[in-house]
Protein backbone atom coordinates (compact mmCIF):
# COMPACT_ATOMS: atom_id res chain seq x y z
CA MET A 1 -5.40 3.70 4.32
CA LYS A 2 -3.99 0.54 4.55
CA ARG A 3 -5.96 2.01 5.78
CA THR A 4 -6.52 3.19 9.17
CA ALA A 5 -9.24 0.42 10.21
CA VAL A 6 -9.90 0.79 13.74
CA ALA A 7 -12.79 -1.06 15.31
CA LEU A 8 -16.07 -0.44 13.13
CA SER A 9 -19.09 0.26 16.33
CA ALA A 10 -22.82 0.95 15.06
CA ALA A 11 -21.85 4.35 15.10
CA ALA A 12 -19.90 4.40 12.58
CA LEU A 13 -22.79 3.33 11.04
CA LEU A 14 -24.75 6.27 11.16
CA LEU A 15 -22.46 8.06 9.79
CA PRO A 16 -24.51 9.95 7.16
CA LEU A 17 -25.12 8.39 3.60
CA SER A 18 -25.50 10.64 0.50
CA ALA A 19 -24.75 7.56 -2.11
CA CYS A 20 -27.39 5.34 -3.46
CA GLY A 21 -25.35 2.52 -4.06
CA GLY A 22 -26.92 -0.25 -6.45
CA SER A 23 -29.31 2.61 -7.45
CA ALA A 24 -31.29 0.58 -10.40
CA GLU A 25 -33.44 -2.27 -9.39
CA ALA A 26 -35.81 -1.67 -13.00
CA GLY A 27 -35.05 -3.84 -15.99
CA SER A 28 -34.25 -2.54 -19.62
CA GLY A 29 -33.84 1.40 -19.83
CA SER A 30 -33.90 2.13 -16.21
CA THR A 31 -29.90 3.88 -14.93
CA VAL A 32 -27.83 1.60 -13.24
CA THR A 33 -25.74 4.36 -10.59
CA VAL A 34 -22.28 2.16 -9.31
CA THR A 35 -20.93 3.39 -6.33
CA VAL A 36 -17.17 2.97 -5.64
CA GLY A 37 -15.22 3.94 -3.05
CA TYR A 38 -12.05 5.05 -2.50
CA GLN A 39 -8.72 6.46 -1.00
CA SER A 40 -7.40 8.48 -3.11
CA LYS A 41 -3.56 8.78 -0.84
CA THR A 42 -3.87 5.21 -0.42
CA ILE A 43 -1.86 4.88 -3.70
CA ASN A 44 -1.67 1.16 -3.78
CA THR A 45 -4.89 1.12 -4.66
CA VAL A 46 -4.74 3.60 -7.44
CA THR A 47 -5.90 1.38 -10.54
CA ALA A 48 -8.96 0.69 -8.95
CA GLY A 49 -9.94 4.59 -7.38
CA THR A 50 -7.35 7.25 -8.39
CA LEU A 51 -6.12 6.68 -11.86
CA LEU A 52 -8.58 4.30 -12.31
CA ARG A 53 -10.54 7.24 -11.82
CA SER A 54 -8.52 9.55 -13.81
CA LEU A 55 -8.22 7.83 -17.09
CA GLY A 56 -12.49 7.17 -18.00
CA TYR A 57 -11.63 2.96 -17.89
CA PHE A 58 -14.74 1.89 -16.20
CA GLU A 59 -17.06 4.42 -17.51
CA LYS A 60 -16.06 2.51 -21.58
CA GLN A 61 -16.65 -0.35 -19.92
CA LEU A 62 -19.92 0.40 -19.27
CA ASP A 63 -20.86 2.31 -21.81
CA SER A 64 -19.51 -1.02 -23.71
CA LEU A 65 -22.88 -3.06 -21.70
CA HIS A 66 -25.20 -2.38 -24.36
CA ASP A 67 -27.68 -4.53 -21.72
CA GLY A 68 -30.41 -1.41 -22.10
CA HIS A 69 -29.08 0.48 -19.03
CA THR A 70 -27.06 3.53 -19.01
CA TYR A 71 -25.11 3.49 -16.05
CA LYS A 72 -23.99 6.30 -13.98
CA VAL A 73 -20.60 5.35 -11.82
CA ASP A 74 -20.50 7.95 -8.49
CA TRP A 75 -16.87 8.13 -6.95
CA GLN A 76 -16.58 8.03 -3.21
CA ASP A 77 -13.31 9.78 -1.99
CA TYR A 78 -12.12 8.42 1.45
CA ALA A 79 -8.95 8.81 3.68
CA THR A 80 -8.82 5.41 5.29
CA GLY A 81 -10.87 2.01 5.05
CA ALA A 82 -12.97 1.73 8.00
CA PRO A 83 -15.85 4.65 6.09
CA ILE A 84 -16.30 1.99 3.57
CA THR A 85 -16.85 -0.58 4.93
CA ALA A 86 -19.60 1.38 6.60
CA GLN A 87 -21.02 2.42 3.88
CA MET A 88 -21.02 -1.30 1.96
CA THR A 89 -22.57 -2.43 5.41
CA ALA A 90 -25.04 0.22 4.87
CA GLY A 91 -25.88 -1.05 0.98
CA LYS A 92 -24.57 2.47 -0.26
CA ILE A 93 -21.42 1.72 -1.54
CA ASP A 94 -21.05 -1.07 -4.22
CA ILE A 95 -17.31 -1.44 -5.31
CA GLY A 96 -15.02 -0.58 -2.45
CA SER A 97 -10.99 -0.86 -2.52
CA MET A 98 -8.82 -1.17 1.11
CA GLY A 99 -5.79 -3.08 2.65
CA ASP A 100 -5.31 -6.51 3.62
CA PHE A 101 -6.34 -5.27 7.38
CA PRO A 102 -9.09 -3.47 6.94
CA LEU A 103 -10.34 -6.36 4.08
CA LEU A 104 -11.26 -8.53 6.99
CA LEU A 105 -12.85 -6.36 9.11
CA ASN A 106 -14.78 -5.16 6.10
CA ALA A 107 -15.43 -9.60 5.83
CA ALA A 108 -16.54 -9.23 9.34
CA ARG A 109 -18.32 -6.55 9.21
CA GLY A 110 -20.01 -7.70 6.01
CA LYS A 111 -21.17 -11.19 7.65
CA GLN A 112 -22.60 -9.44 11.19
CA LEU A 113 -24.56 -7.09 9.62
CA GLY A 114 -26.33 -9.73 7.36
CA ARG A 115 -24.50 -8.16 3.72
CA PRO A 116 -21.88 -10.15 2.89
CA THR A 117 -18.38 -8.79 0.78
CA HIS A 118 -16.62 -10.30 -1.32
CA LEU A 119 -12.86 -9.72 -2.05
CA VAL A 120 -11.87 -9.75 -5.71
CA SER A 121 -9.02 -8.76 -6.86
CA VAL A 122 -5.71 -6.99 -6.08
CA THR A 123 -4.51 -3.79 -6.64
CA GLY A 124 -0.71 -3.33 -5.26
CA TYR A 125 1.10 -6.35 -3.06
CA ASN A 126 4.68 -6.73 -1.82
CA LEU A 127 5.49 -10.44 -1.15
CA ARG A 128 7.59 -9.14 2.04
CA GLY A 129 5.81 -6.64 3.50
CA GLY A 130 8.22 -3.74 2.30
CA LEU A 131 4.61 -1.54 2.04
CA ASN A 132 4.67 -0.72 5.80
CA THR A 133 7.71 0.82 7.30
CA ILE A 134 8.24 2.22 11.05
CA VAL A 135 9.51 6.00 10.84
CA THR A 136 11.50 8.39 14.10
CA ALA A 137 12.32 12.23 13.89
CA PRO A 138 15.50 12.88 11.75
CA GLY A 139 17.04 14.42 14.98
CA SER A 140 15.98 10.62 17.23
CA LYS A 141 18.89 9.18 17.96
CA LEU A 142 17.29 5.67 18.28
CA ARG A 143 18.48 2.81 15.97
CA SER A 144 16.15 -0.75 16.52
CA LEU A 145 12.93 -1.52 18.23
CA LYS A 146 14.41 -2.85 20.82
CA ASP A 147 14.83 1.20 21.77
CA LEU A 148 10.91 1.10 21.16
CA LYS A 149 11.09 0.05 24.83
CA ASP A 150 8.70 2.51 27.26
CA LYS A 151 8.13 4.38 24.02
CA LYS A 152 5.65 6.08 22.60
CA VAL A 153 4.28 4.80 19.50
CA SER A 154 1.69 6.15 16.98
CA THR A 155 0.12 3.99 14.98
CA SER A 156 -3.38 3.10 13.34
CA VAL A 157 -4.97 0.81 15.57
CA GLY A 158 -6.18 -2.44 12.49
CA SER A 159 -4.08 -1.71 9.99
CA ALA A 160 -1.61 -3.78 8.01
CA ALA A 161 1.13 -0.77 9.52
CA ASP A 162 -0.69 -1.65 13.02
CA GLY A 163 0.39 -5.63 12.27
CA THR A 164 3.76 -4.64 10.77
CA LEU A 165 4.39 -3.08 14.33
CA VAL A 166 2.49 -6.31 16.73
CA ARG A 167 5.02 -8.70 14.58
CA ALA A 168 7.88 -6.92 14.89
CA LEU A 169 7.65 -6.02 18.34
CA GLN A 170 6.92 -9.43 19.75
CA ARG A 171 10.51 -10.69 17.24
CA ALA A 172 11.89 -8.01 19.11
CA GLY A 173 10.80 -9.92 22.30
CA ILE A 174 8.84 -6.83 23.20
CA ASP A 175 5.32 -7.12 24.68
CA PRO A 176 3.12 -4.56 22.06
CA ASP A 177 0.66 -4.19 24.86
CA LYS A 178 3.19 -3.57 27.61
CA GLY A 179 6.17 -2.99 26.46
CA ILE A 180 5.51 0.20 24.18
CA SER A 181 2.95 3.21 24.89
CA LYS A 182 0.85 2.80 21.57
CA LEU A 183 -1.43 5.83 20.77
CA ASN A 184 -4.02 4.82 17.99
CA GLN A 185 -4.03 7.32 15.35
CA GLN A 186 -4.84 8.72 12.33
CA PRO A 187 -1.97 8.68 9.55
CA ALA A 188 -2.12 12.44 9.43
CA VAL A 189 -2.39 12.90 12.88
CA GLY A 190 0.34 10.35 13.94
CA ALA A 191 2.26 12.00 11.84
CA SER A 192 1.81 15.98 13.05
CA ALA A 193 2.40 13.54 16.58
CA LEU A 194 6.27 12.81 15.31
CA SER A 195 7.17 16.16 14.22
CA ALA A 196 5.28 18.16 17.44
CA GLY A 197 8.04 15.06 19.65
CA SER A 198 4.92 13.97 21.30
CA VAL A 199 5.94 10.75 19.88
CA ASP A 200 8.69 8.73 19.31
CA ALA A 201 7.94 6.68 16.72
CA LEU A 202 5.28 6.23 13.87
CA SER A 203 4.75 3.01 12.18
CA GLN A 204 2.23 3.54 8.77
CA PHE A 205 1.87 1.74 5.85
CA VAL A 206 1.66 3.22 2.13
CA ALA A 207 2.34 6.32 1.52
CA TRP A 208 3.05 8.11 5.29
CA PRO A 209 6.76 6.49 5.32
CA GLY A 210 7.93 7.63 2.02
CA LEU A 211 6.23 10.50 2.23
CA LEU A 212 7.79 11.92 5.17
CA ALA A 213 11.09 10.73 4.08
CA TYR A 214 11.25 12.68 1.67
CA GLN A 215 10.27 15.59 3.30
CA GLY A 216 12.60 14.98 5.31
CA LYS A 217 10.26 14.61 8.27
CA ALA A 218 11.01 11.44 9.80
CA LYS A 219 13.60 8.42 8.42
CA ALA A 220 13.68 4.74 8.84
CA LEU A 221 13.42 3.02 11.81
CA TYR A 222 12.11 -0.39 10.51
CA ASP A 223 11.81 -1.30 6.81
CA GLY A 224 8.80 -3.84 6.88
CA ALA A 225 9.84 -6.65 4.58
CA ARG A 226 12.47 -7.87 7.28
CA LEU A 227 8.89 -9.68 8.17
CA ASN A 228 9.53 -11.25 5.29
CA LEU A 229 4.85 -11.35 5.34
CA PRO A 230 2.92 -11.21 2.25
CA THR A 231 0.69 -7.30 2.84
CA PHE A 232 -1.70 -6.10 0.17
CA HIS A 233 -4.54 -3.55 -0.70
CA GLY A 234 -7.69 -5.11 -2.63
CA VAL A 235 -10.96 -4.91 -4.07
CA THR A 236 -14.15 -5.72 -1.96
CA ALA A 237 -17.83 -5.86 -3.38
CA ARG A 238 -21.09 -6.14 -2.01
CA GLU A 239 -22.08 -9.61 -3.47
CA ASP A 240 -25.43 -8.46 -3.00
CA PHE A 241 -25.38 -5.87 -5.73
CA THR A 242 -22.91 -8.11 -7.55
CA ARG A 243 -25.66 -11.01 -8.01
CA GLN A 244 -27.69 -8.16 -8.90
CA HIS A 245 -25.06 -6.69 -11.84
CA PRO A 246 -22.67 -9.00 -12.13
CA ALA A 247 -21.31 -7.58 -15.04
CA VAL A 248 -20.86 -4.50 -13.89
CA LEU A 249 -18.25 -6.15 -10.94
CA THR A 250 -16.60 -7.55 -14.47
CA ALA A 251 -16.47 -4.77 -16.09
CA PHE A 252 -14.53 -2.87 -13.20
CA LEU A 253 -12.45 -5.42 -13.01
CA LYS A 254 -11.46 -4.94 -16.47
CA ALA A 255 -11.01 -1.61 -16.36
CA GLN A 256 -8.81 -2.89 -13.72
CA ALA A 257 -6.81 -4.88 -15.55
CA GLN A 258 -6.53 -1.96 -18.12
CA ALA A 259 -5.98 0.87 -15.16
CA THR A 260 -3.04 -1.93 -14.30
CA ASP A 261 -1.03 -2.41 -17.56
CA TYR A 262 -1.53 1.47 -18.38
CA LEU A 263 0.66 1.65 -14.82
CA ASN A 264 3.15 -1.17 -15.70
CA ARG A 265 3.40 0.65 -19.34
CA GLN A 266 4.09 4.31 -18.37
CA PRO A 267 4.83 3.99 -14.89
CA VAL A 268 6.33 7.82 -15.06
CA THR A 269 2.88 9.06 -16.30
CA ALA A 270 1.42 6.98 -13.98
CA ALA A 271 3.14 8.80 -11.08
CA GLU A 272 2.42 12.23 -12.59
CA LYS A 273 -1.68 11.25 -12.57
CA VAL A 274 -1.96 10.55 -9.28
CA ALA A 275 0.02 13.09 -7.28
CA LYS A 276 -1.95 15.70 -10.00
CA ALA A 277 -4.76 13.70 -8.68
CA THR A 278 -3.89 13.54 -4.27
CA GLY A 279 -1.17 16.25 -3.93
CA LEU A 280 1.41 13.74 -3.19
CA PRO A 281 4.48 14.40 -4.42
CA ALA A 282 5.30 12.35 -7.44
CA GLU A 283 8.80 11.45 -6.68
CA ALA A 284 6.96 10.03 -3.14
CA VAL A 285 4.66 7.97 -5.15
CA TYR A 286 6.96 6.67 -7.61
CA LEU A 287 8.98 5.47 -5.04
CA TYR A 288 5.71 2.66 -4.47
CA ASN A 289 3.82 2.47 -7.44
CA GLY A 290 7.39 3.28 -10.23
CA ALA A 291 8.41 0.63 -12.23
CA HIS A 292 10.90 -1.17 -9.87
CA GLY A 293 8.89 0.69 -6.51
CA ILE A 294 7.42 -1.48 -3.20
CA ALA A 295 4.07 -2.56 -4.88
CA THR A 296 3.49 -4.72 -7.37
CA PHE A 297 0.25 -4.00 -9.28
CA ASP A 298 -1.25 -7.25 -10.75
CA PRO A 299 -5.28 -7.98 -9.84
CA ALA A 300 -4.53 -11.57 -9.54
CA LEU A 301 -5.41 -13.31 -6.11
CA ARG A 302 -2.64 -14.97 -5.87
CA PRO A 303 -2.25 -18.10 -3.16
CA GLN A 304 0.18 -16.15 -1.73
CA LEU A 305 -1.49 -13.10 -0.72
CA VAL A 306 -5.05 -15.13 0.42
CA SER A 307 -2.11 -17.48 3.54
CA ALA A 308 -1.20 -14.30 4.45
CA LEU A 309 -4.86 -12.36 4.99
CA LYS A 310 -5.64 -16.07 7.70
CA GLN A 311 -2.43 -15.46 9.25
CA ASP A 312 -2.99 -11.78 9.85
CA VAL A 313 -6.75 -12.98 11.03
CA SER A 314 -4.90 -13.56 14.57
CA VAL A 315 -3.34 -10.48 14.63
CA LEU A 316 -6.70 -8.93 14.38
CA LYS A 317 -8.07 -11.30 16.77
CA ALA A 318 -5.56 -10.66 19.52
CA ALA A 319 -6.66 -7.12 19.27
CA LYS A 320 -10.11 -7.92 19.89
CA LEU A 321 -11.04 -5.88 17.17
CA THR A 322 -12.46 -9.41 15.57
CA GLY A 323 -13.83 -12.73 15.42
CA ASP A 324 -12.66 -16.08 13.60
CA VAL A 325 -12.44 -14.69 10.12
CA ASP A 326 -13.36 -16.84 6.90
CA VAL A 327 -11.34 -16.25 4.71
CA ASP A 328 -11.72 -18.90 1.91
CA SER A 329 -15.74 -17.53 1.55
CA PHE A 330 -14.67 -14.23 2.15
CA VAL A 331 -11.83 -14.48 -1.18
CA ASP A 332 -14.28 -14.97 -4.60
CA ASP A 333 -11.88 -14.74 -7.56
CA GLY A 334 -14.66 -16.68 -10.48
CA TYR A 335 -14.96 -12.42 -11.15
CA VAL A 336 -11.08 -11.78 -11.92
CA LYS A 337 -10.75 -15.43 -13.93
CA LYS A 338 -13.44 -13.86 -15.73
CA ALA A 339 -12.89 -11.19 -16.99
CA LEU A 340 -8.28 -11.76 -17.32
CA GLY A 341 -9.52 -14.92 -19.12
CA PRO A 342 -6.26 -16.53 -20.60
CA SER A 343 -4.11 -14.74 -18.08
CA TYR A 344 -5.43 -15.16 -15.37
CA ALA A 345 -2.77 -18.13 -14.85
CA LYS A 346 0.51 -16.31 -15.27
CA ARG A 347 -0.64 -13.61 -13.44
CA LEU A 348 -1.00 -16.42 -10.93
CA THR A 349 2.40 -17.44 -11.17
CA ALA A 350 4.86 -14.48 -12.77
CA SER A 351 7.95 -13.26 -10.68
CA PRO A 352 7.20 -8.90 -9.43
CA PRO A 353 10.34 -7.13 -11.50
CA PRO A 354 13.56 -7.15 -10.13
CA ALA A 355 14.95 -4.66 -7.52
CA ALA A 356 16.75 -1.92 -9.12
CA SER A 357 18.47 1.45 -8.69
CA GLU A 358 17.02 3.96 -10.79
CA VAL A 359 17.23 7.51 -11.05
CA TRP A 360 14.39 10.24 -12.35
CA PRO A 361 16.31 13.02 -14.15
CA ARG A 362 15.08 16.59 -13.71
CA GLY A 363 13.09 17.36 -17.06
CA SER A 364 12.59 13.61 -18.26
CA GLU A 365 9.96 11.61 -18.53
CA LYS A 366 11.57 8.66 -18.44
CA THR A 367 13.85 6.94 -15.73
CA LEU A 368 17.70 5.54 -15.96
CA SER A 369 18.35 2.00 -14.10
CA PHE A 370 21.40 1.34 -12.86
CA THR A 371 23.09 -2.46 -12.12
CA SER A 372 23.97 -1.92 -9.26
CA PRO A 373 23.88 1.12 -6.58
CA LYS A 374 27.59 1.91 -6.81
CA GLN A 375 26.52 3.06 -10.94
CA LEU A 376 24.14 4.80 -9.19
CA LEU A 377 25.69 7.21 -7.63
CA ALA A 378 28.18 7.45 -9.73
CA HIS A 379 25.69 8.68 -11.76
CA LEU A 380 23.87 10.92 -9.24
CA ALA A 381 27.98 12.32 -8.41
CA ALA A 382 28.12 13.62 -12.12
CA HIS A 383 24.77 15.09 -12.44
CA PRO A 384 24.62 16.23 -9.10
CA ASP A 385 21.89 19.17 -9.98
CA GLY A 386 20.87 17.55 -12.70
CA ILE A 387 18.41 14.36 -10.43
CA ARG A 388 14.53 14.69 -9.72
CA ALA A 389 14.71 11.81 -7.45
CA ALA A 390 16.58 8.28 -6.96
CA TYR A 391 16.24 4.65 -5.90
CA VAL A 392 18.09 2.38 -4.06
CA PRO A 393 16.56 -1.68 -3.59
CA ASP A 394 17.68 -2.29 0.26
CA ALA A 395 20.26 -5.03 -0.19
CA THR A 396 19.17 -7.57 2.72
CA THR A 397 15.40 -6.86 1.79
CA GLY A 398 15.29 -5.39 -2.19
CA THR A 399 12.88 -2.93 -0.20
CA LEU A 400 12.92 0.00 -2.74
CA TRP A 401 14.23 3.59 -0.63
CA PHE A 402 15.41 7.06 -1.56
CA ALA A 403 19.28 7.40 -2.63
CA ASP A 404 19.77 10.34 -0.51
CA LYS A 405 17.57 8.83 2.89
CA ALA A 406 18.88 5.27 3.15
CA VAL A 407 21.78 3.79 5.66
CA TRP A 408 25.24 3.59 3.17
CA VAL A 409 27.75 0.59 3.95
CA ALA A 410 31.17 0.20 2.69
CA ASP A 411 32.10 -2.89 2.62
CA GLY A 412 35.18 -2.79 0.30
CA ASP A 413 34.71 -2.06 -3.50
CA ARG A 414 30.73 -1.99 -2.33
CA LEU A 415 27.97 0.88 -1.82
CA LEU A 416 25.36 -0.86 -0.25
CA PRO A 417 21.87 0.82 0.52
CA PHE A 418 19.80 -0.07 2.92
CA VAL A 419 15.86 0.89 4.47
CA ALA A 420 17.39 1.54 7.95
CA PRO A 421 19.95 1.45 10.75
CA ALA A 422 19.21 -2.25 12.05
CA THR A 423 19.43 -3.90 8.65
CA ALA A 424 23.00 -2.38 8.25
CA GLN A 425 23.66 -3.30 11.70
CA ASP A 426 23.65 -6.86 10.59
CA TYR A 427 24.83 -6.96 7.68
CA ILE A 428 28.24 -4.68 9.16
CA SER A 429 28.42 -7.98 11.70
CA ALA A 430 28.08 -10.56 8.81
CA HIS A 431 30.99 -9.03 6.81
CA GLY A 432 33.96 -8.05 8.76
CA GLY A 433 35.74 -4.88 7.46
CA ALA A 434 32.51 -3.51 6.26
CA ARG A 435 30.86 -0.14 7.79
CA THR A 436 28.72 2.74 7.91
CA VAL A 437 29.72 5.32 5.81
CA SER A 438 28.13 9.32 4.55
CA TYR A 439 25.69 9.38 1.53
CA ARG A 440 28.46 12.13 0.92
CA GLU A 441 31.37 9.59 1.38
CA ALA A 442 29.27 6.93 -0.37
CA LEU A 443 28.91 9.79 -3.76
CA GLU A 444 32.93 10.47 -3.93
CA ARG A 445 33.61 6.76 -3.37
CA ALA A 446 31.90 5.45 -6.01
CA SER A 447 32.93 9.00 -8.24
């Protein structure tokens, strides 16, 4: 998911392989099977996976090639990026999507095994790192990262969520190797461990933190956006396949752009589609993929994201998951430039949508936006039974969070939401007279 990427062993590459990636080598009139590996529940990859598949845009783009081939798309769903990389380096998956840290492992493994891959586009990103969050149990007394010293923390080693944990602990003055007891677990296993009380905290990637918070099974301890380091998901493709079928990759990226435009134009409908396909609550999907969600969707390979990828290499090297990775040779923006045409340059510099407070009324296919969290609270107080979900941006980082799960601070007449207690406390320390209030009190003050 931001794919639980773990070090890929030789054994992983011996998993049963059923697909026949890029199966057609013949000339005109042959059938070409294009195998796409995706992660349905890694919802920031949906424009290259779940949503794209449901819309059928890729198949339509392939039909329009009219090059004498018949095309078949084999969609393969995985829980993490690691098996997608294993299948790609075995020549069984042609195009795959995963998070930034797993992408680096994909690059390293492909080069090591003589089957190089390339990062060809981006799906969803957050320029501050808000896609990763550290959470604790609802009744936990932990209030800040410093409270994690000597505690048990679950994460997925090699994932961006682990990268967030390592960097955040270092900034808090805690040795990530010796200061905590780290458990390397799949996201679902870690979530169960948190509920069972066998770990004190869980550091994970989208959509797990938001999902657990929505379900009342966790509360935020640390907002990854405080690192102010970009995180993203992207599309990787096998070099040998794309050299043989360049038009196929271009068609895929055109289809991805169409799915991206669909999501951005119809975020509520897109969230419902993804929810139906994955079984995730649409409210949790919308937290990340909505009009003002934590993720911004665009295929362009922005320089900030490539720069962040280079900074990620050192984290994986320190964990002994990979050696040096030549990011510049891994990134190939030629295909996405061709697919997007003149719009590509504009996309590179476009600003993400501004943070905003948002309400999803019950029974509505449209959301309502508010210019301030206080206005949103007033609306909630006046419509206690008519709300499906309400979202507010952290007053410091801009990370969207559920209004009823946020930490609220009263500062004079202002009501300010924060994802995590420590962020709220930092604000209070810098603003005399400010204090935390309960969600109930915030509603009463707004009304």
